[in-house]
Amino acid sequence: MLALALGAALLPAVPARAQKMPSIGPSQGLRPGNLAFDFTGKDLDGHPYHLKDLRGQVVQVVFWATWCVPCVEEIPAMRQVYAKYRDRGLVVLGVVVPADQTKTGVREFATQHKMDYPIVWDGADAIVNRYRIDAIPQIFLIGRDGVIRYAGGELPEGYDSILESALAQDVPPRAAAR
């Protein structure tokens, strides 16, 4: 007790100032709240897509295959989401899991199913491996700041409200430049 009183008496009478902690952004990962892993891929026409270049837009990445029944069943919902929100800044990228598929077959399938959003061919499984895809479909909704807002195997109930929230988000200049 004496030491405590003596220590307090020896402290200068200057008011203590708090030091602001540095801001640390989200870490990279695969769950909501994580910064999405960057990737580069080309669509079926050879147009490159670099996820980092899409910052400032909301991006829905869908891993799928033509032979995947749940993926095929979800295509109408994907088309509907894209049609409803693309003018507000939504980009949908359908990333093909290339197992047992060809570019020609995927192109024909996409045309037949009126998939009007970009289909990214991941021939070397680079994106699939980076996102640790072991079941499809897998959907990642990535906010304007590059942070994952939703990750799951299907569009959940209330997805529109998640999407609306992501589209309403402003991007701080610093986050957009990361």
N, C-alpha and C. Protein backbone atom coordinates (compact mmCIF):
# COMPACT_ATOMS: atom_id res chain seq x y z
N MET A 1 0.83 -1.18 0.00
CA MET A 1 0.00 0.00 0.00
C MET A 1 0.87 1.25 0.00
N LEU A 2 1.94 1.21 0.78
CA LEU A 2 2.86 2.34 0.83
C LEU A 2 3.52 2.55 -0.52
N ALA A 3 3.89 1.46 -1.17
CA ALA A 3 4.53 1.56 -2.48
C ALA A 3 3.58 2.17 -3.50
N LEU A 4 2.31 1.80 -3.43
CA LEU A 4 1.32 2.33 -4.35
C LEU A 4 1.15 3.84 -4.13
N ALA A 5 1.06 4.26 -2.88
CA ALA A 5 0.90 5.68 -2.57
C ALA A 5 2.15 6.45 -2.98
N LEU A 6 3.32 5.88 -2.74
CA LEU A 6 4.58 6.52 -3.09
C LEU A 6 4.71 6.64 -4.61
N GLY A 7 4.31 5.58 -5.33
CA GLY A 7 4.37 5.61 -6.79
C GLY A 7 3.44 6.65 -7.36
N ALA A 8 2.24 6.79 -6.81
CA ALA A 8 1.29 7.78 -7.29
C ALA A 8 1.78 9.18 -7.02
N ALA A 9 2.49 9.38 -5.91
CA ALA A 9 3.01 10.70 -5.57
C ALA A 9 4.14 11.10 -6.50
N LEU A 10 4.86 10.15 -7.02
CA LEU A 10 6.00 10.45 -7.89
C LEU A 10 5.59 10.67 -9.35
N LEU A 11 4.36 10.31 -9.72
CA LEU A 11 3.91 10.51 -11.10
C LEU A 11 3.72 11.99 -11.37
N PRO A 12 4.08 12.44 -12.54
CA PRO A 12 3.88 13.87 -12.85
C PRO A 12 2.40 14.19 -12.89
N ALA A 13 2.08 15.43 -12.63
CA ALA A 13 0.69 15.89 -12.59
C ALA A 13 0.18 16.24 -13.98
N VAL A 14 0.74 15.65 -14.99
CA VAL A 14 0.32 15.90 -16.38
C VAL A 14 -0.80 14.92 -16.71
N PRO A 15 -1.85 15.39 -17.34
CA PRO A 15 -2.93 14.47 -17.69
C PRO A 15 -2.43 13.41 -18.69
N ALA A 16 -2.86 12.21 -18.47
CA ALA A 16 -2.47 11.11 -19.36
C ALA A 16 -3.21 11.24 -20.69
N ARG A 17 -2.51 10.96 -21.77
CA ARG A 17 -3.12 11.02 -23.08
C ARG A 17 -3.19 9.60 -23.65
N ALA A 18 -4.30 9.32 -24.22
CA ALA A 18 -4.46 8.00 -24.84
C ALA A 18 -3.84 8.01 -26.23
N GLN A 19 -3.26 6.91 -26.58
CA GLN A 19 -2.70 6.78 -27.91
C GLN A 19 -3.63 5.93 -28.75
N LYS A 20 -3.95 6.42 -29.92
CA LYS A 20 -4.86 5.67 -30.80
C LYS A 20 -4.14 4.45 -31.35
N MET A 21 -4.85 3.33 -31.30
CA MET A 21 -4.30 2.09 -31.83
C MET A 21 -4.37 2.13 -33.36
N PRO A 22 -3.39 1.55 -34.02
CA PRO A 22 -3.47 1.50 -35.48
C PRO A 22 -4.65 0.62 -35.91
N SER A 23 -5.26 1.01 -37.00
CA SER A 23 -6.40 0.25 -37.52
C SER A 23 -5.89 -0.95 -38.32
N ILE A 24 -6.34 -2.10 -37.95
CA ILE A 24 -5.95 -3.32 -38.65
C ILE A 24 -7.19 -3.84 -39.35
N GLY A 25 -7.09 -4.01 -40.65
CA GLY A 25 -8.22 -4.48 -41.43
C GLY A 25 -8.45 -5.96 -41.22
N PRO A 26 -9.48 -6.48 -41.86
CA PRO A 26 -9.77 -7.91 -41.73
C PRO A 26 -8.68 -8.76 -42.36
N SER A 27 -8.50 -9.95 -41.83
CA SER A 27 -7.51 -10.87 -42.40
C SER A 27 -8.16 -11.64 -43.54
N GLN A 28 -7.34 -12.16 -44.44
CA GLN A 28 -7.86 -12.94 -45.55
C GLN A 28 -8.40 -14.27 -45.05
N GLY A 29 -9.44 -14.74 -45.70
CA GLY A 29 -10.03 -16.01 -45.32
C GLY A 29 -11.23 -16.33 -46.17
N LEU A 30 -12.02 -17.28 -45.72
CA LEU A 30 -13.15 -17.78 -46.51
C LEU A 30 -14.49 -17.63 -45.81
N ARG A 31 -14.50 -16.92 -44.70
CA ARG A 31 -15.73 -16.76 -43.92
C ARG A 31 -16.20 -15.31 -43.96
N PRO A 32 -17.49 -15.09 -43.70
CA PRO A 32 -17.97 -13.72 -43.61
C PRO A 32 -17.13 -12.92 -42.60
N GLY A 33 -16.77 -11.71 -43.00
CA GLY A 33 -15.92 -10.86 -42.17
C GLY A 33 -14.46 -10.93 -42.59
N ASN A 34 -14.08 -11.95 -43.37
CA ASN A 34 -12.70 -12.05 -43.88
C ASN A 34 -12.58 -11.30 -45.20
N LEU A 35 -11.38 -10.83 -45.48
CA LEU A 35 -11.06 -10.26 -46.77
C LEU A 35 -10.97 -11.41 -47.77
N ALA A 36 -11.68 -11.32 -48.88
CA ALA A 36 -11.69 -12.40 -49.87
C ALA A 36 -10.32 -12.56 -50.50
N PHE A 37 -9.94 -13.79 -50.77
CA PHE A 37 -8.70 -14.06 -51.47
C PHE A 37 -8.80 -13.50 -52.88
N ASP A 38 -7.75 -12.85 -53.32
CA ASP A 38 -7.72 -12.32 -54.67
C ASP A 38 -7.53 -13.47 -55.66
N PHE A 39 -8.02 -13.30 -56.86
CA PHE A 39 -7.78 -14.27 -57.93
C PHE A 39 -7.88 -13.59 -59.27
N THR A 40 -7.33 -14.23 -60.27
CA THR A 40 -7.44 -13.79 -61.65
C THR A 40 -7.90 -14.97 -62.47
N GLY A 41 -8.87 -14.74 -63.33
CA GLY A 41 -9.35 -15.78 -64.23
C GLY A 41 -9.88 -15.14 -65.49
N LYS A 42 -10.04 -15.94 -66.53
CA LYS A 42 -10.57 -15.44 -67.80
C LYS A 42 -11.91 -16.09 -68.08
N ASP A 43 -12.81 -15.28 -68.65
CA ASP A 43 -14.10 -15.85 -69.02
C ASP A 43 -13.95 -16.69 -70.29
N LEU A 44 -15.02 -17.25 -70.77
CA LEU A 44 -14.96 -18.15 -71.92
C LEU A 44 -14.53 -17.47 -73.20
N ASP A 45 -14.58 -16.14 -73.22
CA ASP A 45 -14.13 -15.37 -74.38
C ASP A 45 -12.73 -14.81 -74.20
N GLY A 46 -12.09 -15.15 -73.09
CA GLY A 46 -10.72 -14.70 -72.85
C GLY A 46 -10.60 -13.37 -72.12
N HIS A 47 -11.72 -12.78 -71.72
CA HIS A 47 -11.69 -11.50 -70.98
C HIS A 47 -11.23 -11.78 -69.54
N PRO A 48 -10.18 -11.08 -69.09
CA PRO A 48 -9.68 -11.34 -67.73
C PRO A 48 -10.53 -10.67 -66.64
N TYR A 49 -10.64 -11.36 -65.52
CA TYR A 49 -11.30 -10.82 -64.32
C TYR A 49 -10.32 -10.96 -63.18
N HIS A 50 -10.00 -9.84 -62.56
CA HIS A 50 -9.11 -9.80 -61.40
C HIS A 50 -9.95 -9.29 -60.24
N LEU A 51 -10.16 -10.11 -59.23
CA LEU A 51 -11.08 -9.73 -58.14
C LEU A 51 -10.70 -8.38 -57.53
N LYS A 52 -9.43 -8.14 -57.35
CA LYS A 52 -9.00 -6.89 -56.74
C LYS A 52 -9.44 -5.67 -57.57
N ASP A 53 -9.48 -5.83 -58.89
CA ASP A 53 -9.90 -4.73 -59.76
C ASP A 53 -11.40 -4.44 -59.65
N LEU A 54 -12.15 -5.35 -59.04
CA LEU A 54 -13.60 -5.17 -58.89
C LEU A 54 -13.96 -4.50 -57.57
N ARG A 55 -12.95 -4.08 -56.78
CA ARG A 55 -13.24 -3.36 -55.53
C ARG A 55 -14.08 -2.14 -55.87
N GLY A 56 -15.02 -1.85 -55.01
CA GLY A 56 -15.95 -0.77 -55.25
C GLY A 56 -17.27 -1.29 -55.80
N GLN A 57 -17.28 -2.55 -56.23
CA GLN A 57 -18.49 -3.21 -56.68
C GLN A 57 -18.76 -4.39 -55.75
N VAL A 58 -19.99 -4.83 -55.71
CA VAL A 58 -20.33 -6.03 -54.95
C VAL A 58 -20.19 -7.20 -55.92
N VAL A 59 -19.48 -8.24 -55.48
CA VAL A 59 -19.19 -9.38 -56.36
C VAL A 59 -19.75 -10.66 -55.75
N GLN A 60 -20.52 -11.37 -56.55
CA GLN A 60 -21.02 -12.68 -56.14
C GLN A 60 -20.25 -13.71 -56.96
N VAL A 61 -19.44 -14.51 -56.28
CA VAL A 61 -18.66 -15.56 -56.94
C VAL A 61 -19.38 -16.88 -56.68
N VAL A 62 -19.71 -17.58 -57.76
CA VAL A 62 -20.43 -18.84 -57.67
C VAL A 62 -19.58 -19.94 -58.30
N PHE A 63 -19.18 -20.92 -57.52
CA PHE A 63 -18.46 -22.07 -58.04
C PHE A 63 -19.50 -23.11 -58.45
N TRP A 64 -19.39 -23.62 -59.68
CA TRP A 64 -20.43 -24.50 -60.21
C TRP A 64 -19.86 -25.41 -61.30
N ALA A 65 -20.69 -26.36 -61.75
CA ALA A 65 -20.35 -27.25 -62.86
C ALA A 65 -21.64 -27.64 -63.58
N THR A 66 -21.50 -27.99 -64.85
CA THR A 66 -22.68 -28.36 -65.64
C THR A 66 -23.30 -29.66 -65.15
N TRP A 67 -22.51 -30.55 -64.54
CA TRP A 67 -23.00 -31.85 -64.08
C TRP A 67 -23.55 -31.81 -62.66
N CYS A 68 -23.50 -30.66 -62.03
CA CYS A 68 -23.95 -30.50 -60.64
C CYS A 68 -25.43 -30.14 -60.62
N VAL A 69 -26.28 -31.06 -60.18
CA VAL A 69 -27.73 -30.84 -60.19
C VAL A 69 -28.13 -29.61 -59.36
N PRO A 70 -27.65 -29.44 -58.11
CA PRO A 70 -28.03 -28.24 -57.37
C PRO A 70 -27.56 -26.94 -58.04
N CYS A 71 -26.41 -27.01 -58.73
CA CYS A 71 -25.91 -25.83 -59.45
C CYS A 71 -26.88 -25.45 -60.57
N VAL A 72 -27.30 -26.45 -61.33
CA VAL A 72 -28.21 -26.22 -62.45
C VAL A 72 -29.55 -25.71 -61.93
N GLU A 73 -30.02 -26.26 -60.83
CA GLU A 73 -31.30 -25.82 -60.26
C GLU A 73 -31.25 -24.37 -59.78
N GLU A 74 -30.05 -23.90 -59.43
CA GLU A 74 -29.92 -22.54 -58.90
C GLU A 74 -29.70 -21.48 -59.98
N ILE A 75 -29.47 -21.91 -61.22
CA ILE A 75 -29.20 -20.95 -62.30
C ILE A 75 -30.32 -19.92 -62.47
N PRO A 76 -31.60 -20.30 -62.46
CA PRO A 76 -32.65 -19.27 -62.60
C PRO A 76 -32.56 -18.20 -61.49
N ALA A 77 -32.27 -18.62 -60.27
CA ALA A 77 -32.14 -17.65 -59.17
C ALA A 77 -30.93 -16.75 -59.38
N MET A 78 -29.84 -17.31 -59.89
CA MET A 78 -28.64 -16.51 -60.17
C MET A 78 -28.93 -15.47 -61.25
N ARG A 79 -29.61 -15.90 -62.30
CA ARG A 79 -29.98 -14.97 -63.37
C ARG A 79 -30.87 -13.85 -62.83
N GLN A 80 -31.81 -14.22 -61.97
CA GLN A 80 -32.74 -13.25 -61.40
C GLN A 80 -32.00 -12.23 -60.52
N VAL A 81 -31.10 -12.70 -59.68
CA VAL A 81 -30.31 -11.80 -58.82
C VAL A 81 -29.49 -10.85 -59.68
N TYR A 82 -28.84 -11.40 -60.69
CA TYR A 82 -28.00 -10.58 -61.57
C TYR A 82 -28.83 -9.53 -62.29
N ALA A 83 -29.97 -9.92 -62.84
CA ALA A 83 -30.83 -8.98 -63.56
C ALA A 83 -31.33 -7.87 -62.63
N LYS A 84 -31.66 -8.24 -61.41
CA LYS A 84 -32.24 -7.27 -60.46
C LYS A 84 -31.21 -6.27 -59.94
N TYR A 85 -29.96 -6.69 -59.76
CA TYR A 85 -28.98 -5.85 -59.06
C TYR A 85 -27.78 -5.38 -59.89
N ARG A 86 -27.61 -5.84 -61.11
CA ARG A 86 -26.39 -5.47 -61.85
C ARG A 86 -26.28 -3.98 -62.08
N ASP A 87 -27.41 -3.29 -62.29
CA ASP A 87 -27.36 -1.85 -62.53
C ASP A 87 -26.99 -1.07 -61.26
N ARG A 88 -27.03 -1.74 -60.12
CA ARG A 88 -26.67 -1.10 -58.85
C ARG A 88 -25.26 -1.47 -58.41
N GLY A 89 -24.52 -2.19 -59.25
CA GLY A 89 -23.13 -2.48 -58.94
C GLY A 89 -22.81 -3.92 -58.62
N LEU A 90 -23.73 -4.84 -58.87
CA LEU A 90 -23.45 -6.25 -58.62
C LEU A 90 -22.78 -6.88 -59.84
N VAL A 91 -21.69 -7.59 -59.58
CA VAL A 91 -21.03 -8.39 -60.60
C VAL A 91 -21.18 -9.84 -60.16
N VAL A 92 -21.66 -10.70 -61.05
CA VAL A 92 -21.74 -12.13 -60.76
C VAL A 92 -20.69 -12.81 -61.62
N LEU A 93 -19.86 -13.63 -60.99
CA LEU A 93 -18.86 -14.42 -61.71
C LEU A 93 -19.15 -15.89 -61.43
N GLY A 94 -19.49 -16.63 -62.46
CA GLY A 94 -19.70 -18.07 -62.34
C GLY A 94 -18.37 -18.76 -62.62
N VAL A 95 -17.71 -19.26 -61.59
CA VAL A 95 -16.41 -19.91 -61.75
C VAL A 95 -16.64 -21.40 -61.96
N VAL A 96 -16.22 -21.89 -63.12
CA VAL A 96 -16.43 -23.28 -63.48
C VAL A 96 -15.42 -24.18 -62.77
N VAL A 97 -15.93 -25.20 -62.11
CA VAL A 97 -15.08 -26.27 -61.58
C VAL A 97 -14.87 -27.19 -62.78
N PRO A 98 -13.65 -27.24 -63.34
CA PRO A 98 -13.48 -27.84 -64.66
C PRO A 98 -13.48 -29.37 -64.73
N ALA A 99 -13.64 -30.06 -63.64
CA ALA A 99 -13.62 -31.53 -63.65
C ALA A 99 -14.67 -32.07 -64.62
N ASP A 100 -14.24 -32.92 -65.55
CA ASP A 100 -15.12 -33.57 -66.52
C ASP A 100 -15.90 -32.60 -67.39
N GLN A 101 -15.29 -31.46 -67.72
CA GLN A 101 -15.95 -30.46 -68.55
C GLN A 101 -14.95 -29.90 -69.57
N THR A 102 -15.49 -29.36 -70.66
CA THR A 102 -14.68 -28.66 -71.64
C THR A 102 -15.21 -27.25 -71.79
N LYS A 103 -14.37 -26.35 -72.27
CA LYS A 103 -14.82 -24.97 -72.50
C LYS A 103 -15.99 -24.95 -73.48
N THR A 104 -15.88 -25.74 -74.53
CA THR A 104 -16.94 -25.78 -75.54
C THR A 104 -18.25 -26.26 -74.92
N GLY A 105 -18.19 -27.31 -74.14
CA GLY A 105 -19.40 -27.84 -73.50
C GLY A 105 -20.00 -26.84 -72.52
N VAL A 106 -19.14 -26.15 -71.76
CA VAL A 106 -19.63 -25.14 -70.81
C VAL A 106 -20.25 -23.97 -71.55
N ARG A 107 -19.63 -23.55 -72.65
CA ARG A 107 -20.17 -22.44 -73.44
C ARG A 107 -21.57 -22.80 -73.97
N GLU A 108 -21.72 -24.00 -74.51
CA GLU A 108 -23.02 -24.45 -75.02
C GLU A 108 -24.06 -24.51 -73.90
N PHE A 109 -23.65 -25.02 -72.75
CA PHE A 109 -24.53 -25.11 -71.59
C PHE A 109 -24.98 -23.72 -71.14
N ALA A 110 -24.01 -22.79 -71.04
CA ALA A 110 -24.31 -21.42 -70.59
C ALA A 110 -25.27 -20.73 -71.55
N THR A 111 -25.08 -20.95 -72.84
CA THR A 111 -25.98 -20.36 -73.84
C THR A 111 -27.37 -20.97 -73.71
N GLN A 112 -27.44 -22.28 -73.61
CA GLN A 112 -28.72 -22.98 -73.50
C GLN A 112 -29.49 -22.54 -72.26
N HIS A 113 -28.78 -22.28 -71.15
CA HIS A 113 -29.43 -21.90 -69.89
C HIS A 113 -29.49 -20.38 -69.69
N LYS A 114 -29.16 -19.64 -70.74
CA LYS A 114 -29.25 -18.17 -70.72
C LYS A 114 -28.50 -17.55 -69.54
N MET A 115 -27.31 -18.04 -69.31
CA MET A 115 -26.46 -17.49 -68.24
C MET A 115 -25.78 -16.25 -68.79
N ASP A 116 -26.35 -15.08 -68.49
CA ASP A 116 -25.88 -13.83 -69.08
C ASP A 116 -24.82 -13.13 -68.24
N TYR A 117 -24.36 -13.76 -67.19
CA TYR A 117 -23.26 -13.22 -66.39
C TYR A 117 -21.97 -13.92 -66.82
N PRO A 118 -20.81 -13.33 -66.52
CA PRO A 118 -19.54 -13.91 -66.95
C PRO A 118 -19.29 -15.30 -66.34
N ILE A 119 -18.84 -16.21 -67.19
CA ILE A 119 -18.47 -17.56 -66.78
C ILE A 119 -16.95 -17.64 -66.85
N VAL A 120 -16.32 -17.82 -65.70
CA VAL A 120 -14.86 -17.85 -65.62
C VAL A 120 -14.38 -19.30 -65.68
N TRP A 121 -13.50 -19.59 -66.62
CA TRP A 121 -12.94 -20.93 -66.79
C TRP A 121 -11.71 -21.05 -65.89
N ASP A 122 -11.75 -21.99 -64.97
CA ASP A 122 -10.64 -22.22 -64.03
C ASP A 122 -9.95 -23.54 -64.38
N GLY A 123 -9.40 -23.60 -65.59
CA GLY A 123 -8.84 -24.83 -66.13
C GLY A 123 -7.77 -25.48 -65.28
N ALA A 124 -6.99 -24.71 -64.56
CA ALA A 124 -5.92 -25.26 -63.74
C ALA A 124 -6.34 -25.44 -62.28
N ASP A 125 -7.62 -25.21 -61.97
CA ASP A 125 -8.14 -25.31 -60.60
C ASP A 125 -7.49 -24.32 -59.63
N ALA A 126 -6.88 -23.27 -60.13
CA ALA A 126 -6.19 -22.31 -59.25
C ALA A 126 -7.17 -21.61 -58.31
N ILE A 127 -8.30 -21.15 -58.85
CA ILE A 127 -9.29 -20.44 -58.02
C ILE A 127 -9.98 -21.44 -57.09
N VAL A 128 -10.34 -22.59 -57.62
CA VAL A 128 -10.98 -23.64 -56.83
C VAL A 128 -10.10 -24.02 -55.64
N ASN A 129 -8.81 -24.19 -55.89
CA ASN A 129 -7.89 -24.55 -54.80
C ASN A 129 -7.71 -23.40 -53.81
N ARG A 130 -7.62 -22.19 -54.31
CA ARG A 130 -7.44 -21.03 -53.43
C ARG A 130 -8.62 -20.88 -52.46
N TYR A 131 -9.82 -21.18 -52.97
CA TYR A 131 -11.02 -21.07 -52.15
C TYR A 131 -11.40 -22.38 -51.47
N ARG A 132 -10.55 -23.39 -51.61
CA ARG A 132 -10.74 -24.70 -50.95
C ARG A 132 -12.12 -25.29 -51.21
N ILE A 133 -12.53 -25.26 -52.46
CA ILE A 133 -13.84 -25.76 -52.84
C ILE A 133 -13.82 -27.28 -52.86
N ASP A 134 -14.66 -27.90 -52.02
CA ASP A 134 -14.75 -29.36 -51.99
C ASP A 134 -16.18 -29.83 -52.22
N ALA A 135 -17.11 -28.89 -52.39
CA ALA A 135 -18.50 -29.21 -52.71
C ALA A 135 -19.07 -28.01 -53.47
N ILE A 136 -19.97 -28.29 -54.40
CA ILE A 136 -20.57 -27.20 -55.17
C ILE A 136 -22.08 -27.38 -55.19
N PRO A 137 -22.82 -26.30 -55.37
CA PRO A 137 -22.34 -24.94 -55.57
C PRO A 137 -21.79 -24.34 -54.27
N GLN A 138 -20.93 -23.37 -54.43
CA GLN A 138 -20.43 -22.55 -53.33
C GLN A 138 -20.54 -21.10 -53.76
N ILE A 139 -21.10 -20.28 -52.90
CA ILE A 139 -21.37 -18.88 -53.22
C ILE A 139 -20.66 -18.00 -52.21
N PHE A 140 -19.97 -16.98 -52.72
CA PHE A 140 -19.34 -15.98 -51.87
C PHE A 140 -19.85 -14.62 -52.33
N LEU A 141 -20.44 -13.86 -51.41
CA LEU A 141 -20.84 -12.49 -51.70
C LEU A 141 -19.79 -11.60 -51.07
N ILE A 142 -19.16 -10.80 -51.90
CA ILE A 142 -18.03 -9.98 -51.48
C ILE A 142 -18.44 -8.51 -51.59
N GLY A 143 -18.31 -7.79 -50.48
CA GLY A 143 -18.72 -6.39 -50.44
C GLY A 143 -17.79 -5.49 -51.23
N ARG A 144 -18.19 -4.24 -51.35
CA ARG A 144 -17.42 -3.24 -52.10
C ARG A 144 -16.00 -3.07 -51.57
N ASP A 145 -15.80 -3.40 -50.30
CA ASP A 145 -14.50 -3.27 -49.66
C ASP A 145 -13.67 -4.54 -49.76
N GLY A 146 -14.18 -5.57 -50.43
CA GLY A 146 -13.44 -6.82 -50.58
C GLY A 146 -13.67 -7.82 -49.46
N VAL A 147 -14.56 -7.49 -48.53
CA VAL A 147 -14.83 -8.36 -47.38
C VAL A 147 -16.02 -9.27 -47.70
N ILE A 148 -15.89 -10.53 -47.34
CA ILE A 148 -16.95 -11.51 -47.59
C ILE A 148 -18.15 -11.20 -46.69
N ARG A 149 -19.32 -11.07 -47.30
CA ARG A 149 -20.57 -10.80 -46.57
C ARG A 149 -21.40 -12.07 -46.39
N TYR A 150 -21.24 -13.02 -47.30
CA TYR A 150 -21.95 -14.29 -47.20
C TYR A 150 -21.10 -15.37 -47.85
N ALA A 151 -21.11 -16.56 -47.27
CA ALA A 151 -20.45 -17.73 -47.85
C ALA A 151 -21.32 -18.94 -47.54
N GLY A 152 -21.67 -19.70 -48.57
CA GLY A 152 -22.49 -20.87 -48.34
C GLY A 152 -22.77 -21.65 -49.60
N GLY A 153 -23.49 -22.74 -49.44
CA GLY A 153 -23.75 -23.65 -50.54
C GLY A 153 -25.02 -23.35 -51.32
N GLU A 154 -25.77 -22.35 -50.91
CA GLU A 154 -26.99 -21.98 -51.63
C GLU A 154 -27.38 -20.56 -51.25
N LEU A 155 -28.28 -20.00 -52.02
CA LEU A 155 -28.80 -18.68 -51.66
C LEU A 155 -29.75 -18.86 -50.49
N PRO A 156 -29.45 -18.24 -49.36
CA PRO A 156 -30.28 -18.44 -48.17
C PRO A 156 -31.54 -17.59 -48.19
N GLU A 157 -32.47 -17.92 -47.30
CA GLU A 157 -33.62 -17.05 -47.06
C GLU A 157 -33.06 -15.69 -46.64
N GLY A 158 -33.63 -14.63 -47.14
CA GLY A 158 -33.17 -13.30 -46.75
C GLY A 158 -31.94 -12.83 -47.50
N TYR A 159 -31.57 -13.53 -48.56
CA TYR A 159 -30.36 -13.14 -49.32
C TYR A 159 -30.49 -11.74 -49.88
N ASP A 160 -31.70 -11.36 -50.30
CA ASP A 160 -31.90 -10.01 -50.83
C ASP A 160 -31.50 -8.95 -49.81
N SER A 161 -31.81 -9.16 -48.54
CA SER A 161 -31.44 -8.15 -47.53
C SER A 161 -29.93 -8.11 -47.33
N ILE A 162 -29.26 -9.25 -47.42
CA ILE A 162 -27.79 -9.28 -47.33
C ILE A 162 -27.20 -8.51 -48.51
N LEU A 163 -27.75 -8.76 -49.67
CA LEU A 163 -27.29 -8.11 -50.89
C LEU A 163 -27.57 -6.61 -50.85
N GLU A 164 -28.77 -6.25 -50.41
CA GLU A 164 -29.12 -4.83 -50.29
C GLU A 164 -28.15 -4.10 -49.36
N SER A 165 -27.83 -4.73 -48.24
CA SER A 165 -26.90 -4.15 -47.28
C SER A 165 -25.51 -3.96 -47.90
N ALA A 166 -25.05 -4.96 -48.64
CA ALA A 166 -23.74 -4.87 -49.29
C ALA A 166 -23.73 -3.78 -50.36
N LEU A 167 -24.82 -3.67 -51.11
CA LEU A 167 -24.90 -2.65 -52.16
C LEU A 167 -24.98 -1.24 -51.58
N ALA A 168 -25.55 -1.10 -50.39
CA ALA A 168 -25.69 0.21 -49.76
C ALA A 168 -24.39 0.70 -49.13
N GLN A 169 -23.44 -0.19 -48.97
CA GLN A 169 -22.18 0.14 -48.29
C GLN A 169 -21.34 1.11 -49.11
N ASP A 170 -20.84 2.13 -48.42
CA ASP A 170 -19.86 3.02 -49.04
C ASP A 170 -18.49 2.43 -48.79
N VAL A 171 -17.58 2.68 -49.72
CA VAL A 171 -16.23 2.16 -49.57
C VAL A 171 -15.32 3.29 -49.14
N PRO A 172 -14.67 3.15 -47.97
CA PRO A 172 -13.69 4.16 -47.61
C PRO A 172 -12.57 4.14 -48.64
N PRO A 173 -12.01 5.30 -49.01
CA PRO A 173 -10.96 5.35 -50.03
C PRO A 173 -9.81 4.39 -49.73
N ARG A 174 -9.41 4.27 -48.47
CA ARG A 174 -8.30 3.41 -48.11
C ARG A 174 -8.61 1.94 -48.41
N ALA A 175 -9.83 1.50 -48.09
CA ALA A 175 -10.21 0.11 -48.31
C ALA A 175 -10.26 -0.21 -49.79
N ALA A 176 -10.71 0.73 -50.59
CA ALA A 176 -10.83 0.49 -52.03
C ALA A 176 -9.46 0.35 -52.68
N ALA A 177 -8.44 0.94 -52.07
CA ALA A 177 -7.11 0.92 -52.67
C ALA A 177 -6.27 -0.28 -52.25
N ARG A 178 -6.74 -1.06 -51.29
CA ARG A 178 -5.94 -2.21 -50.80
C ARG A 178 -5.54 -3.16 -51.87
